[in-house]
C-alpha atoms as a PDB file:
ATOM      1  CA  MET A   1     -67.484-170.993 156.204  1.00  0.00           C
ATOM      2  CA  ILE A   2     -68.081-173.170 153.120  1.00  0.00           C
ATOM      3  CA  ARG A   3     -69.927-170.303 151.435  1.00  0.00           C
ATOM      4  CA  MET A   4     -67.029-167.947 152.211  1.00  0.00           C
ATOM      5  CA  LEU A   5     -64.502-170.382 150.715  1.00  0.00           C
ATOM      6  CA  PHE A   6     -66.685-170.837 147.635  1.00  0.00           C
ATOM      7  CA  THR A   7     -66.922-167.051 147.195  1.00  0.00           C
ATOM      8  CA  LEU A   8     -63.138-166.678 147.505  1.00  0.00           C
ATOM      9  CA  LEU A   9     -62.611-169.430 144.922  1.00  0.00           C
ATOM     10  CA  MET A  10     -65.045-167.741 142.537  1.00  0.00           C
ATOM     11  CA  LEU A  11     -63.332-164.362 142.950  1.00  0.00           C
ATOM     12  CA  THR A  12     -59.944-165.965 142.407  1.00  0.00           C
ATOM     13  CA  SER A  13     -61.083-167.731 139.241  1.00  0.00           C
ATOM     14  CA  LEU A  14     -62.551-164.499 137.906  1.00  0.00           C
ATOM     15  CA  SER A  15     -59.378-162.552 138.630  1.00  0.00           C
ATOM     16  CA  VAL A  16     -57.137-164.998 136.727  1.00  0.00           C
ATOM     17  CA  GLN A  17     -59.252-165.008 133.570  1.00  0.00           C
ATOM     18  CA  ALA A  18     -57.298-163.497 130.704  1.00  0.00           C
ATOM     19  CA  VAL A  19     -58.378-160.140 129.352  1.00  0.00           C
ATOM     20  CA  THR A  20     -58.940-160.272 125.595  1.00  0.00           C
ATOM     21  CA  LEU A  21     -59.570-157.511 123.074  1.00  0.00           C
ATOM     22  CA  GLU A  22     -63.056-158.935 122.494  1.00  0.00           C
ATOM     23  CA  ALA A  23     -63.819-158.827 126.223  1.00  0.00           C
ATOM     24  CA  LEU A  24     -62.430-155.299 126.423  1.00  0.00           C
ATOM     25  CA  GLN A  25     -64.666-154.066 123.623  1.00  0.00           C
ATOM     26  CA  GLN A  26     -67.690-155.691 125.286  1.00  0.00           C
ATOM     27  CA  ARG A  27     -66.742-153.993 128.544  1.00  0.00           C
ATOM     28  CA  PHE A  28     -66.512-150.583 126.918  1.00  0.00           C
ATOM     29  CA  ALA A  29     -69.732-151.172 124.976  1.00  0.00           C
ATOM     30  CA  SER A  30     -71.514-151.695 128.298  1.00  0.00           C
ATOM     31  CA  GLN A  31     -70.427-148.212 129.417  1.00  0.00           C
ATOM     32  CA  PRO A  32     -72.813-145.856 127.556  1.00  0.00           C
ATOM     33  CA  VAL A  33     -71.551-142.775 129.403  1.00  0.00           C
ATOM     34  CA  VAL A  34     -68.118-142.289 130.975  1.00  0.00           C
ATOM     35  CA  ARG A  35     -67.075-139.157 132.833  1.00  0.00           C
ATOM     36  CA  ALA A  36     -63.474-138.581 133.883  1.00  0.00           C
ATOM     37  CA  ASP A  37     -60.794-136.076 134.788  1.00  0.00           C
ATOM     38  CA  PHE A  38     -57.729-135.849 132.572  1.00  0.00           C
ATOM     39  CA  SER A  39     -54.201-134.543 132.707  1.00  0.00           C
ATOM     40  CA  GLN A  40     -52.084-134.185 129.597  1.00  0.00           C
ATOM     41  CA  LEU A  41     -48.321-133.932 129.353  1.00  0.00           C
ATOM     42  CA  ARG A  42     -46.848-133.021 125.968  1.00  0.00           C
ATOM     43  CA  THR A  43     -43.096-133.499 125.649  1.00  0.00           C
ATOM     44  CA  ILE A  44     -41.769-131.622 122.628  1.00  0.00           C
ATOM     45  CA  LYS A  45     -38.320-132.261 121.238  1.00  0.00           C
ATOM     46  CA  GLY A  46     -36.063-129.278 121.878  1.00  0.00           C
ATOM     47  CA  MET A  47     -38.211-127.828 124.682  1.00  0.00           C
ATOM     48  CA  ALA A  48     -36.794-128.025 128.198  1.00  0.00           C
ATOM     49  CA  GLN A  49     -40.161-128.272 129.950  1.00  0.00           C
ATOM     50  CA  PRO A  50     -43.181-130.330 128.857  1.00  0.00           C
ATOM     51  CA  LEU A  51     -46.531-128.618 128.307  1.00  0.00           C
ATOM     52  CA  LYS A  52     -49.139-129.516 130.921  1.00  0.00           C
ATOM     53  CA  SER A  53     -52.910-129.250 130.705  1.00  0.00           C
ATOM     54  CA  SER A  54     -55.852-130.684 132.618  1.00  0.00           C
ATOM     55  CA  GLY A  55     -59.622-130.740 132.684  1.00  0.00           C
ATOM     56  CA  GLN A  56     -62.637-132.996 132.314  1.00  0.00           C
ATOM     57  CA  LEU A  57     -64.030-135.210 129.586  1.00  0.00           C
ATOM     58  CA  LEU A  58     -67.268-136.966 128.799  1.00  0.00           C
ATOM     59  CA  ILE A  59     -67.691-139.912 126.411  1.00  0.00           C
ATOM     60  CA  ALA A  60     -71.253-140.742 125.356  1.00  0.00           C
ATOM     61  CA  GLN A  61     -71.763-143.557 122.857  1.00  0.00           C
ATOM     62  CA  ASP A  62     -74.749-141.894 121.199  1.00  0.00           C
ATOM     63  CA  LYS A  63     -73.311-138.359 121.216  1.00  0.00           C
ATOM     64  CA  GLY A  64     -69.539-138.365 120.999  1.00  0.00           C
ATOM     65  CA  LEU A  65     -66.640-136.919 122.970  1.00  0.00           C
ATOM     66  CA  TRP A  66     -66.725-133.708 125.026  1.00  0.00           C
ATOM     67  CA  TRP A  67     -63.300-132.505 126.165  1.00  0.00           C
ATOM     68  CA  GLN A  68     -63.007-129.440 128.392  1.00  0.00           C
ATOM     69  CA  GLN A  69     -59.548-128.183 129.217  1.00  0.00           C
ATOM     70  CA  ALA A  70     -59.490-125.935 132.283  1.00  0.00           C
ATOM     71  CA  LYS A  71     -55.733-125.283 132.592  1.00  0.00           C
ATOM     72  CA  PRO A  72     -53.589-123.556 131.416  1.00  0.00           C
ATOM     73  CA  PHE A  73     -56.452-121.862 129.497  1.00  0.00           C
ATOM     74  CA  PRO A  74     -60.095-122.728 128.769  1.00  0.00           C
ATOM     75  CA  LEU A  75     -60.660-124.839 125.673  1.00  0.00           C
ATOM     76  CA  THR A  76     -63.655-126.992 124.757  1.00  0.00           C
ATOM     77  CA  LEU A  77     -63.615-129.674 122.079  1.00  0.00           C
ATOM     78  CA  VAL A  78     -66.671-131.633 120.919  1.00  0.00           C
ATOM     79  CA  LEU A  79     -66.395-134.538 118.490  1.00  0.00           C
ATOM     80  CA  ASP A  80     -69.356-136.356 116.976  1.00  0.00           C
ATOM     81  CA  GLU A  81     -70.015-138.363 113.816  1.00  0.00           C
ATOM     82  CA  LYS A  82     -70.336-135.291 111.600  1.00  0.00           C
ATOM     83  CA  ARG A  83     -68.131-132.535 112.983  1.00  0.00           C
ATOM     84  CA  MET A  84     -65.520-131.256 115.372  1.00  0.00           C
ATOM     85  CA  VAL A  85     -66.286-128.079 117.315  1.00  0.00           C
ATOM     86  CA  GLN A  86     -63.564-126.151 119.129  1.00  0.00           C
ATOM     87  CA  VAL A  87     -64.195-123.191 121.432  1.00  0.00           C
ATOM     88  CA  MET A  88     -61.194-121.345 122.861  1.00  0.00           C
ATOM     89  CA  ASN A  89     -61.297-118.612 125.503  1.00  0.00           C
ATOM     90  CA  GLY A  90     -64.952-117.780 124.851  1.00  0.00           C
ATOM     91  CA  GLN A  91     -64.395-117.059 121.151  1.00  0.00           C
ATOM     92  CA  PRO A  92     -66.950-118.099 118.497  1.00  0.00           C
ATOM     93  CA  PRO A  93     -66.959-121.867 117.845  1.00  0.00           C
ATOM     94  CA  GLU A  94     -64.653-123.174 115.122  1.00  0.00           C
ATOM     95  CA  ILE A  95     -66.391-126.016 113.287  1.00  0.00           C
ATOM     96  CA  VAL A  96     -64.570-128.614 111.189  1.00  0.00           C
ATOM     97  CA  THR A  97     -66.453-131.137 109.033  1.00  0.00           C
ATOM     98  CA  ALA A  98     -65.336-133.985 106.786  1.00  0.00           C
ATOM     99  CA  ASP A  99     -65.974-131.716 103.784  1.00  0.00           C
ATOM    100  CA  SER A 100     -64.092-128.666 105.054  1.00  0.00           C
ATOM    101  CA  ASN A 101     -61.002-130.488 106.361  1.00  0.00           C
ATOM    102  CA  PRO A 102     -60.950-134.256 105.640  1.00  0.00           C
ATOM    103  CA  GLN A 103     -57.545-134.917 107.259  1.00  0.00           C
ATOM    104  CA  MET A 104     -58.367-133.112 110.492  1.00  0.00           C
ATOM    105  CA  PHE A 105     -61.772-134.762 110.658  1.00  0.00           C
ATOM    106  CA  GLN A 106     -60.249-138.218 110.115  1.00  0.00           C
ATOM    107  CA  PHE A 107     -57.821-137.676 112.988  1.00  0.00           C
ATOM    108  CA  ASN A 108     -60.515-136.443 115.340  1.00  0.00           C
ATOM    109  CA  HIS A 109     -62.816-139.324 114.373  1.00  0.00           C
ATOM    110  CA  LEU A 110     -59.909-141.571 115.306  1.00  0.00           C
ATOM    111  CA  LEU A 111     -59.452-139.783 118.640  1.00  0.00           C
ATOM    112  CA  ARG A 112     -63.025-140.619 119.544  1.00  0.00           C
ATOM    113  CA  ALA A 113     -62.433-144.247 118.551  1.00  0.00           C
ATOM    114  CA  LEU A 114     -59.393-144.382 120.846  1.00  0.00           C
ATOM    115  CA  PHE A 115     -61.424-143.331 123.882  1.00  0.00           C
ATOM    116  CA  GLN A 116     -64.112-145.901 123.081  1.00  0.00           C
ATOM    117  CA  ALA A 117     -61.699-148.676 121.989  1.00  0.00           C
ATOM    118  CA  ASP A 118     -63.745-148.984 118.789  1.00  0.00           C
ATOM    119  CA  ARG A 119     -62.142-152.104 117.328  1.00  0.00           C
ATOM    120  CA  LYS A 120     -63.650-151.712 113.848  1.00  0.00           C
ATOM    121  CA  VAL A 121     -62.256-148.197 113.375  1.00  0.00           C
ATOM    122  CA  LEU A 122     -58.918-149.095 114.964  1.00  0.00           C
ATOM    123  CA  GLU A 123     -58.415-152.167 112.766  1.00  0.00           C
ATOM    124  CA  GLN A 124     -59.024-150.042 109.663  1.00  0.00           C
ATOM    125  CA  ASN A 125     -56.086-147.797 110.567  1.00  0.00           C
ATOM    126  CA  PHE A 126     -53.667-149.790 112.755  1.00  0.00           C
ATOM    127  CA  ALA A 127     -51.959-153.073 113.420  1.00  0.00           C
ATOM    128  CA  LEU A 128     -53.209-154.047 116.899  1.00  0.00           C
ATOM    129  CA  ASP A 129     -50.916-155.620 119.517  1.00  0.00           C
ATOM    130  CA  PHE A 130     -52.932-156.521 122.622  1.00  0.00           C
ATOM    131  CA  HIS A 131     -51.377-157.643 125.929  1.00  0.00           C
ATOM    132  CA  ASP A 132     -53.024-159.043 129.053  1.00  0.00           C
ATOM    133  CA  LEU A 133     -50.906-157.630 131.899  1.00  0.00           C
ATOM    134  CA  GLY A 134     -52.592-159.621 134.672  1.00  0.00           C
ATOM    135  CA  GLN A 135     -54.687-158.332 137.580  1.00  0.00           C
ATOM    136  CA  ASP A 136     -57.330-157.320 135.011  1.00  0.00           C
ATOM    137  CA  ARG A 137     -54.864-154.843 133.476  1.00  0.00           C
ATOM    138  CA  TRP A 138     -54.213-154.580 129.727  1.00  0.00           C
ATOM    139  CA  ARG A 139     -52.199-152.707 127.108  1.00  0.00           C
ATOM    140  CA  LEU A 140     -53.045-152.116 123.441  1.00  0.00           C
ATOM    141  CA  VAL A 141     -50.287-150.862 121.114  1.00  0.00           C
ATOM    142  CA  LEU A 142     -51.466-149.400 117.809  1.00  0.00           C
ATOM    143  CA  THR A 143     -49.062-149.093 114.870  1.00  0.00           C
ATOM    144  CA  PRO A 144     -50.438-147.010 111.967  1.00  0.00           C
ATOM    145  CA  THR A 145     -50.990-148.812 108.661  1.00  0.00           C
ATOM    146  CA  THR A 146     -52.749-146.056 106.695  1.00  0.00           C
ATOM    147  CA  SER A 147     -51.811-142.585 105.502  1.00  0.00           C
ATOM    148  CA  PRO A 148     -51.605-139.895 106.841  1.00  0.00           C
ATOM    149  CA  LEU A 149     -51.483-141.584 110.276  1.00  0.00           C
ATOM    150  CA  ASP A 150     -48.298-143.493 109.412  1.00  0.00           C
ATOM    151  CA  LYS A 151     -46.676-140.156 108.563  1.00  0.00           C
ATOM    152  CA  LEU A 152     -47.738-138.669 111.908  1.00  0.00           C
ATOM    153  CA  PHE A 153     -47.262-141.419 114.517  1.00  0.00           C
ATOM    154  CA  ASN A 154     -44.816-144.186 115.304  1.00  0.00           C
ATOM    155  CA  ASN A 155     -47.372-145.761 117.622  1.00  0.00           C
ATOM    156  CA  ILE A 156     -50.183-145.097 120.084  1.00  0.00           C
ATOM    157  CA  THR A 157     -50.482-147.035 123.338  1.00  0.00           C
ATOM    158  CA  LEU A 158     -53.686-147.462 125.350  1.00  0.00           C
ATOM    159  CA  GLN A 159     -53.586-148.893 128.874  1.00  0.00           C
ATOM    160  CA  GLY A 160     -56.197-149.556 131.513  1.00  0.00           C
ATOM    161  CA  GLY A 161     -58.245-151.992 133.541  1.00  0.00           C
ATOM    162  CA  ALA A 162     -61.967-151.605 134.109  1.00  0.00           C
ATOM    163  CA  TYR A 163     -61.624-148.280 132.269  1.00  0.00           C
ATOM    164  CA  LEU A 164     -59.238-146.697 129.816  1.00  0.00           C
ATOM    165  CA  ASP A 165     -56.609-145.116 132.080  1.00  0.00           C
ATOM    166  CA  SER A 166     -53.995-143.686 129.729  1.00  0.00           C
ATOM    167  CA  ILE A 167     -53.170-142.884 126.108  1.00  0.00           C
ATOM    168  CA  GLN A 168     -49.618-142.304 124.890  1.00  0.00           C
ATOM    169  CA  LEU A 169     -49.020-140.862 121.422  1.00  0.00           C
ATOM    170  CA  ASN A 170     -45.497-141.101 119.995  1.00  0.00           C
ATOM    171  CA  ASP A 171     -45.176-139.032 116.844  1.00  0.00           C
ATOM    172  CA  ARG A 172     -42.689-139.073 113.992  1.00  0.00           C
ATOM    173  CA  GLN A 173     -41.081-135.818 115.127  1.00  0.00           C
ATOM    174  CA  GLY A 174     -39.874-137.405 118.362  1.00  0.00           C
ATOM    175  CA  ASP A 175     -42.566-135.693 120.455  1.00  0.00           C
ATOM    176  CA  ARG A 176     -44.793-137.519 122.930  1.00  0.00           C
ATOM    177  CA  THR A 177     -48.214-136.839 124.417  1.00  0.00           C
ATOM    178  CA  ASP A 178     -49.310-138.631 127.603  1.00  0.00           C
ATOM    179  CA  ILE A 179     -52.990-138.427 128.569  1.00  0.00           C
ATOM    180  CA  THR A 180     -53.906-139.821 131.988  1.00  0.00           C
ATOM    181  CA  LEU A 181     -57.536-140.372 132.988  1.00  0.00           C
ATOM    182  CA  SER A 182     -58.743-140.534 136.583  1.00  0.00           C
ATOM    183  CA  ASN A 183     -61.904-140.450 138.688  1.00  0.00           C
ATOM    184  CA  GLN A 184     -63.893-142.341 136.033  1.00  0.00           C
ATOM    185  CA  ARG A 185     -67.654-142.421 136.683  1.00  0.00           C
ATOM    186  CA  LEU A 186     -70.382-144.447 134.956  1.00  0.00           C
ATOM    187  CA  THR A 187     -73.459-143.068 136.702  1.00  0.00           C
ATOM    188  CA  PRO A 188     -75.877-141.748 135.831  1.00  0.00           C
ATOM    189  CA  THR A 189     -75.972-144.006 132.757  1.00  0.00           C
ATOM    190  CA  GLN A 190     -77.860-141.336 130.805  1.00  0.00           C
ATOM    191  CA  LEU A 191     -76.720-137.798 130.068  1.00  0.00           C
ATOM    192  CA  THR A 192     -78.191-135.122 132.291  1.00  0.00           C
ATOM    193  CA  ASP A 193     -79.964-132.168 130.664  1.00  0.00           C
ATOM    194  CA  GLU A 194     -76.893-130.027 131.287  1.00  0.00           C
ATOM    195  CA  GLU A 195     -74.622-132.635 129.685  1.00  0.00           C
ATOM    196  CA  GLN A 196     -76.936-132.888 126.663  1.00  0.00           C
ATOM    197  CA  GLN A 197     -76.419-129.163 126.095  1.00  0.00           C
ATOM    198  CA  ARG A 198     -72.651-129.633 125.852  1.00  0.00           C
ATOM    199  CA  PHE A 199     -73.172-131.265 122.443  1.00  0.00           C
ATOM    200  CA  VAL A 200     -75.439-128.505 121.085  1.00  0.00           C
ATOM    201  CA  PHE A 201     -73.795-125.814 118.916  1.00  0.00           C
END
């Protein structure tokens, strides 16, 4: 009985500890590979219905971001330190590098940083407003401080708990993109052979 009470007290004390940005970055750094499902809702000013898409993603700290849209049409996006590769409907890969398209590459490098909550990259481009929401939930609002991001976005909001659960992008045109992540998985902690091949082009 005493052990049970002690355990409950320990769990309670852990649950009321505030979530900080430092703790969040440490948490994400301890997740070398994250697999998840995603759904994306893009609300465009002047369009009656939002655009919906869904698929799977894979974030590997030593490889980058693999994003595979299944609906409404197949599209694969791979981002690493040196390039962005896009494959649409089985067509030949379209490869973007920092040399060939610096602006596009900067944005996609940022996209990878968003999924990994890379504080160093985020602080170089945004003012960070972090909120502990309680129950181990948190929200991070990013307001652009550098060009061209400040010309593209009003703000970007990340929310989650143990994992990143959602990203909301509010752009200067009045459009909004909501990305919701679900079914996050951390095991296996290493990429499988098949997953390794997803980053080979």
